[in-house]
Amino acid sequence: MPENQKKYSLLVPDEVAELVRRLHPQLKAGIKAALKNILDDPACGKALKEELDGLRSYRFKRFRIIYKIAAENITIVAIGPRRYIYEETFLIISRENQE
């Protein structure tokens, strides 16, 4: 990592950490490697649009890791299969905005 590149902390909610713990060891290892890639280069994920503006999506096999970049933190919002992860993320964001 270049010296001038900003260092981020990774914030993983308990629900997401529990999901990762229950995955097959090969998937778990791949997701951990993907999280390291995100920490090394937060802009590596695709920027999302419309209702999910401000979030990014990193592709790992059939899974997507949805995250947001803040001042010094990268917060993992959700991890799951592409089939439904964007709808699930929208529901998570909606709940957070209501609180």
N, C-alpha and C. Protein backbone atom coordinates (compact mmCIF):
# COMPACT_ATOMS: atom_id res chain seq x y z
N MET A 1 0.84 -1.17 0.00
CA MET A 1 0.00 0.00 0.00
C MET A 1 0.89 1.24 0.00
N PRO A 2 0.68 2.18 -0.93
CA PRO A 2 1.48 3.40 -0.96
C PRO A 2 1.31 4.19 0.34
N GLU A 3 2.36 4.93 0.71
CA GLU A 3 2.32 5.67 1.97
C GLU A 3 1.25 6.72 2.00
N ASN A 4 0.94 7.34 0.85
CA ASN A 4 -0.04 8.41 0.85
C ASN A 4 -1.48 7.90 0.80
N GLN A 5 -1.67 6.60 0.69
CA GLN A 5 -3.02 6.05 0.65
C GLN A 5 -3.58 5.98 2.07
N LYS A 6 -4.81 6.41 2.21
CA LYS A 6 -5.48 6.47 3.50
C LYS A 6 -5.73 5.06 4.05
N LYS A 7 -5.57 4.89 5.36
CA LYS A 7 -5.87 3.61 6.01
C LYS A 7 -7.29 3.66 6.55
N TYR A 8 -8.01 2.59 6.32
CA TYR A 8 -9.39 2.48 6.78
C TYR A 8 -9.52 1.36 7.79
N SER A 9 -10.52 1.48 8.64
CA SER A 9 -10.91 0.40 9.54
C SER A 9 -12.15 -0.26 8.95
N LEU A 10 -12.26 -1.56 9.13
CA LEU A 10 -13.40 -2.30 8.61
C LEU A 10 -14.40 -2.53 9.75
N LEU A 11 -15.64 -2.10 9.52
CA LEU A 11 -16.71 -2.31 10.50
C LEU A 11 -17.68 -3.35 9.94
N VAL A 12 -17.83 -4.44 10.67
CA VAL A 12 -18.71 -5.53 10.23
C VAL A 12 -19.79 -5.73 11.29
N PRO A 13 -21.05 -5.46 10.96
CA PRO A 13 -22.14 -5.68 11.93
C PRO A 13 -22.19 -7.15 12.37
N ASP A 14 -22.69 -7.38 13.57
CA ASP A 14 -22.76 -8.73 14.13
C ASP A 14 -23.52 -9.70 13.22
N GLU A 15 -24.62 -9.23 12.61
CA GLU A 15 -25.42 -10.12 11.75
C GLU A 15 -24.61 -10.60 10.55
N VAL A 16 -23.81 -9.70 9.98
CA VAL A 16 -23.00 -10.05 8.82
C VAL A 16 -21.87 -10.99 9.25
N ALA A 17 -21.24 -10.70 10.38
CA ALA A 17 -20.17 -11.56 10.88
C ALA A 17 -20.69 -12.98 11.14
N GLU A 18 -21.88 -13.09 11.71
CA GLU A 18 -22.48 -14.41 11.97
C GLU A 18 -22.76 -15.15 10.67
N LEU A 19 -23.24 -14.44 9.68
CA LEU A 19 -23.49 -15.06 8.37
C LEU A 19 -22.19 -15.64 7.79
N VAL A 20 -21.12 -14.87 7.85
CA VAL A 20 -19.84 -15.31 7.31
C VAL A 20 -19.33 -16.52 8.10
N ARG A 21 -19.49 -16.50 9.42
CA ARG A 21 -19.04 -17.63 10.25
C ARG A 21 -19.71 -18.94 9.86
N ARG A 22 -20.96 -18.87 9.39
CA ARG A 22 -21.71 -20.09 9.06
C ARG A 22 -21.48 -20.59 7.64
N LEU A 23 -20.70 -19.88 6.84
CA LEU A 23 -20.47 -20.28 5.45
C LEU A 23 -19.47 -21.43 5.36
N HIS A 24 -19.47 -22.08 4.21
CA HIS A 24 -18.49 -23.12 3.90
C HIS A 24 -17.09 -22.51 3.99
N PRO A 25 -16.10 -23.27 4.49
CA PRO A 25 -14.75 -22.72 4.66
C PRO A 25 -14.15 -22.09 3.40
N GLN A 26 -14.42 -22.67 2.22
CA GLN A 26 -13.88 -22.08 0.99
C GLN A 26 -14.51 -20.72 0.71
N LEU A 27 -15.83 -20.61 0.90
CA LEU A 27 -16.50 -19.32 0.71
C LEU A 27 -16.02 -18.31 1.74
N LYS A 28 -15.87 -18.77 2.97
CA LYS A 28 -15.42 -17.89 4.04
C LYS A 28 -14.03 -17.32 3.71
N ALA A 29 -13.13 -18.17 3.25
CA ALA A 29 -11.79 -17.72 2.89
C ALA A 29 -11.84 -16.71 1.74
N GLY A 30 -12.69 -16.97 0.76
CA GLY A 30 -12.83 -16.05 -0.36
C GLY A 30 -13.39 -14.71 0.05
N ILE A 31 -14.36 -14.71 0.94
CA ILE A 31 -14.94 -13.46 1.41
C ILE A 31 -13.93 -12.68 2.24
N LYS A 32 -13.15 -13.38 3.05
CA LYS A 32 -12.10 -12.69 3.82
C LYS A 32 -11.07 -12.06 2.90
N ALA A 33 -10.70 -12.75 1.82
CA ALA A 33 -9.78 -12.19 0.83
C ALA A 33 -10.40 -10.98 0.14
N ALA A 34 -11.69 -11.07 -0.17
CA ALA A 34 -12.39 -9.95 -0.81
C ALA A 34 -12.42 -8.74 0.14
N LEU A 35 -12.65 -8.97 1.43
CA LEU A 35 -12.66 -7.87 2.39
C LEU A 35 -11.28 -7.21 2.48
N LYS A 36 -10.23 -8.01 2.38
CA LYS A 36 -8.88 -7.45 2.37
C LYS A 36 -8.68 -6.59 1.12
N ASN A 37 -9.17 -7.06 -0.03
CA ASN A 37 -9.07 -6.26 -1.26
C ASN A 37 -9.80 -4.93 -1.11
N ILE A 38 -10.97 -4.97 -0.48
CA ILE A 38 -11.75 -3.74 -0.27
C ILE A 38 -10.98 -2.79 0.64
N LEU A 39 -10.36 -3.31 1.70
CA LEU A 39 -9.57 -2.46 2.60
C LEU A 39 -8.37 -1.85 1.88
N ASP A 40 -7.73 -2.64 1.02
CA ASP A 40 -6.56 -2.14 0.28
C ASP A 40 -6.95 -1.09 -0.74
N ASP A 41 -8.11 -1.25 -1.37
CA ASP A 41 -8.57 -0.31 -2.40
C ASP A 41 -10.08 -0.16 -2.31
N PRO A 42 -10.55 0.75 -1.45
CA PRO A 42 -11.99 0.89 -1.24
C PRO A 42 -12.78 1.21 -2.51
N ALA A 43 -12.15 1.79 -3.50
CA ALA A 43 -12.86 2.14 -4.74
C ALA A 43 -12.97 0.97 -5.71
N CYS A 44 -12.52 -0.22 -5.31
CA CYS A 44 -12.53 -1.37 -6.22
C CYS A 44 -13.93 -1.87 -6.52
N GLY A 45 -14.88 -1.61 -5.66
CA GLY A 45 -16.25 -2.04 -5.89
C GLY A 45 -16.99 -1.09 -6.81
N LYS A 46 -18.05 -1.60 -7.41
CA LYS A 46 -18.87 -0.79 -8.32
C LYS A 46 -19.74 0.16 -7.50
N ALA A 47 -19.76 1.43 -7.91
CA ALA A 47 -20.62 2.40 -7.24
C ALA A 47 -22.08 2.10 -7.60
N LEU A 48 -22.94 2.05 -6.60
CA LEU A 48 -24.35 1.78 -6.83
C LEU A 48 -25.11 3.09 -7.07
N LYS A 49 -26.29 2.98 -7.66
CA LYS A 49 -27.05 4.16 -8.05
C LYS A 49 -28.44 4.14 -7.44
N GLU A 50 -29.17 5.20 -7.72
CA GLU A 50 -30.57 5.37 -7.32
C GLU A 50 -30.74 5.19 -5.81
N GLU A 51 -31.60 4.25 -5.39
CA GLU A 51 -31.90 4.11 -3.96
C GLU A 51 -30.67 3.71 -3.14
N LEU A 52 -29.68 3.11 -3.79
CA LEU A 52 -28.49 2.64 -3.08
C LEU A 52 -27.28 3.54 -3.32
N ASP A 53 -27.54 4.77 -3.73
CA ASP A 53 -26.48 5.74 -3.98
C ASP A 53 -25.64 5.92 -2.72
N GLY A 54 -24.34 5.98 -2.87
CA GLY A 54 -23.44 6.12 -1.73
C GLY A 54 -22.87 4.79 -1.26
N LEU A 55 -23.40 3.69 -1.80
CA LEU A 55 -22.90 2.36 -1.46
C LEU A 55 -22.09 1.81 -2.63
N ARG A 56 -21.29 0.80 -2.35
CA ARG A 56 -20.51 0.14 -3.39
C ARG A 56 -20.77 -1.37 -3.29
N SER A 57 -20.55 -2.05 -4.41
CA SER A 57 -20.77 -3.50 -4.48
C SER A 57 -19.52 -4.17 -5.02
N TYR A 58 -19.00 -5.12 -4.25
CA TYR A 58 -17.82 -5.89 -4.67
C TYR A 58 -18.27 -7.30 -5.01
N ARG A 59 -17.90 -7.79 -6.16
CA ARG A 59 -18.34 -9.11 -6.63
C ARG A 59 -17.34 -10.18 -6.23
N PHE A 60 -17.86 -11.24 -5.62
CA PHE A 60 -17.07 -12.43 -5.32
C PHE A 60 -17.92 -13.64 -5.68
N LYS A 61 -17.54 -14.34 -6.74
CA LYS A 61 -18.31 -15.46 -7.27
C LYS A 61 -19.77 -15.05 -7.42
N ARG A 62 -20.70 -15.77 -6.81
CA ARG A 62 -22.12 -15.40 -6.94
C ARG A 62 -22.57 -14.45 -5.83
N PHE A 63 -21.66 -14.08 -4.97
CA PHE A 63 -21.96 -13.18 -3.86
C PHE A 63 -21.60 -11.75 -4.18
N ARG A 64 -22.27 -10.85 -3.46
CA ARG A 64 -21.93 -9.44 -3.52
C ARG A 64 -21.70 -8.97 -2.09
N ILE A 65 -20.69 -8.13 -1.93
CA ILE A 65 -20.41 -7.49 -0.65
C ILE A 65 -20.79 -6.03 -0.83
N ILE A 66 -21.80 -5.59 -0.10
CA ILE A 66 -22.27 -4.20 -0.20
C ILE A 66 -21.64 -3.44 0.97
N TYR A 67 -21.01 -2.31 0.66
CA TYR A 67 -20.34 -1.54 1.70
C TYR A 67 -20.43 -0.05 1.42
N LYS A 68 -20.14 0.72 2.47
CA LYS A 68 -20.07 2.17 2.31
C LYS A 68 -18.77 2.67 2.91
N ILE A 69 -18.25 3.72 2.30
CA ILE A 69 -17.00 4.31 2.73
C ILE A 69 -17.32 5.60 3.47
N ALA A 70 -16.81 5.72 4.69
CA ALA A 70 -16.97 6.94 5.47
C ALA A 70 -15.57 7.48 5.77
N ALA A 71 -15.50 8.49 6.59
CA ALA A 71 -14.25 9.20 6.88
C ALA A 71 -13.04 8.25 7.04
N GLU A 72 -13.08 7.40 8.03
CA GLU A 72 -11.95 6.49 8.28
C GLU A 72 -12.40 5.04 8.33
N ASN A 73 -13.66 4.79 7.98
CA ASN A 73 -14.21 3.45 8.09
C ASN A 73 -14.83 2.97 6.80
N ILE A 74 -14.77 1.67 6.62
CA ILE A 74 -15.53 1.00 5.58
C ILE A 74 -16.50 0.11 6.33
N THR A 75 -17.79 0.36 6.15
CA THR A 75 -18.81 -0.40 6.84
C THR A 75 -19.44 -1.39 5.88
N ILE A 76 -19.41 -2.66 6.25
CA ILE A 76 -20.07 -3.69 5.46
C ILE A 76 -21.56 -3.62 5.78
N VAL A 77 -22.37 -3.44 4.76
CA VAL A 77 -23.82 -3.32 4.95
C VAL A 77 -24.47 -4.69 4.85
N ALA A 78 -24.06 -5.47 3.84
CA ALA A 78 -24.67 -6.79 3.63
C ALA A 78 -23.75 -7.64 2.76
N ILE A 79 -23.89 -8.94 2.91
CA ILE A 79 -23.21 -9.91 2.06
C ILE A 79 -24.24 -10.96 1.69
N GLY A 80 -24.31 -11.29 0.41
CA GLY A 80 -25.27 -12.31 0.01
C GLY A 80 -25.24 -12.55 -1.49
N PRO A 81 -26.04 -13.52 -1.95
CA PRO A 81 -26.11 -13.83 -3.37
C PRO A 81 -26.69 -12.66 -4.17
N ARG A 82 -26.22 -12.49 -5.36
CA ARG A 82 -26.66 -11.41 -6.22
C ARG A 82 -28.17 -11.40 -6.41
N ARG A 83 -28.77 -12.59 -6.41
CA ARG A 83 -30.20 -12.74 -6.70
C ARG A 83 -31.06 -11.80 -5.86
N TYR A 84 -30.72 -11.63 -4.57
CA TYR A 84 -31.59 -10.82 -3.72
C TYR A 84 -30.86 -9.79 -2.86
N ILE A 85 -29.55 -9.66 -2.99
CA ILE A 85 -28.80 -8.80 -2.08
C ILE A 85 -29.17 -7.32 -2.21
N TYR A 86 -29.50 -6.87 -3.42
CA TYR A 86 -29.80 -5.45 -3.59
C TYR A 86 -31.14 -5.10 -2.93
N GLU A 87 -32.13 -5.98 -3.04
CA GLU A 87 -33.41 -5.74 -2.37
C GLU A 87 -33.23 -5.77 -0.85
N GLU A 88 -32.45 -6.73 -0.38
CA GLU A 88 -32.19 -6.84 1.06
C GLU A 88 -31.46 -5.60 1.57
N THR A 89 -30.49 -5.12 0.80
CA THR A 89 -29.76 -3.92 1.19
C THR A 89 -30.68 -2.72 1.25
N PHE A 90 -31.59 -2.61 0.28
CA PHE A 90 -32.55 -1.51 0.29
C PHE A 90 -33.39 -1.55 1.57
N LEU A 91 -33.83 -2.74 1.98
CA LEU A 91 -34.61 -2.87 3.22
C LEU A 91 -33.79 -2.47 4.46
N ILE A 92 -32.53 -2.87 4.48
CA ILE A 92 -31.64 -2.51 5.61
C ILE A 92 -31.49 -1.00 5.69
N ILE A 93 -31.23 -0.38 4.56
CA ILE A 93 -31.04 1.07 4.52
C ILE A 93 -32.33 1.79 4.94
N SER A 94 -33.46 1.29 4.46
CA SER A 94 -34.75 1.90 4.82
C SER A 94 -34.99 1.83 6.32
N ARG A 95 -34.69 0.68 6.93
CA ARG A 95 -34.86 0.53 8.38
C ARG A 95 -33.95 1.49 9.14
N GLU A 96 -32.69 1.62 8.68
CA GLU A 96 -31.74 2.51 9.35
C GLU A 96 -32.22 3.96 9.27
N ASN A 97 -32.80 4.36 8.15
CA ASN A 97 -33.26 5.73 7.97
C ASN A 97 -34.49 6.03 8.83
N GLN A 98 -35.27 5.01 9.17
CA GLN A 98 -36.46 5.21 9.99
C GLN A 98 -36.12 5.38 11.46
N GLU A 99 -34.97 4.83 11.87
CA GLU A 99 -34.59 4.89 13.30
C GLU A 99 -34.07 6.23 13.70
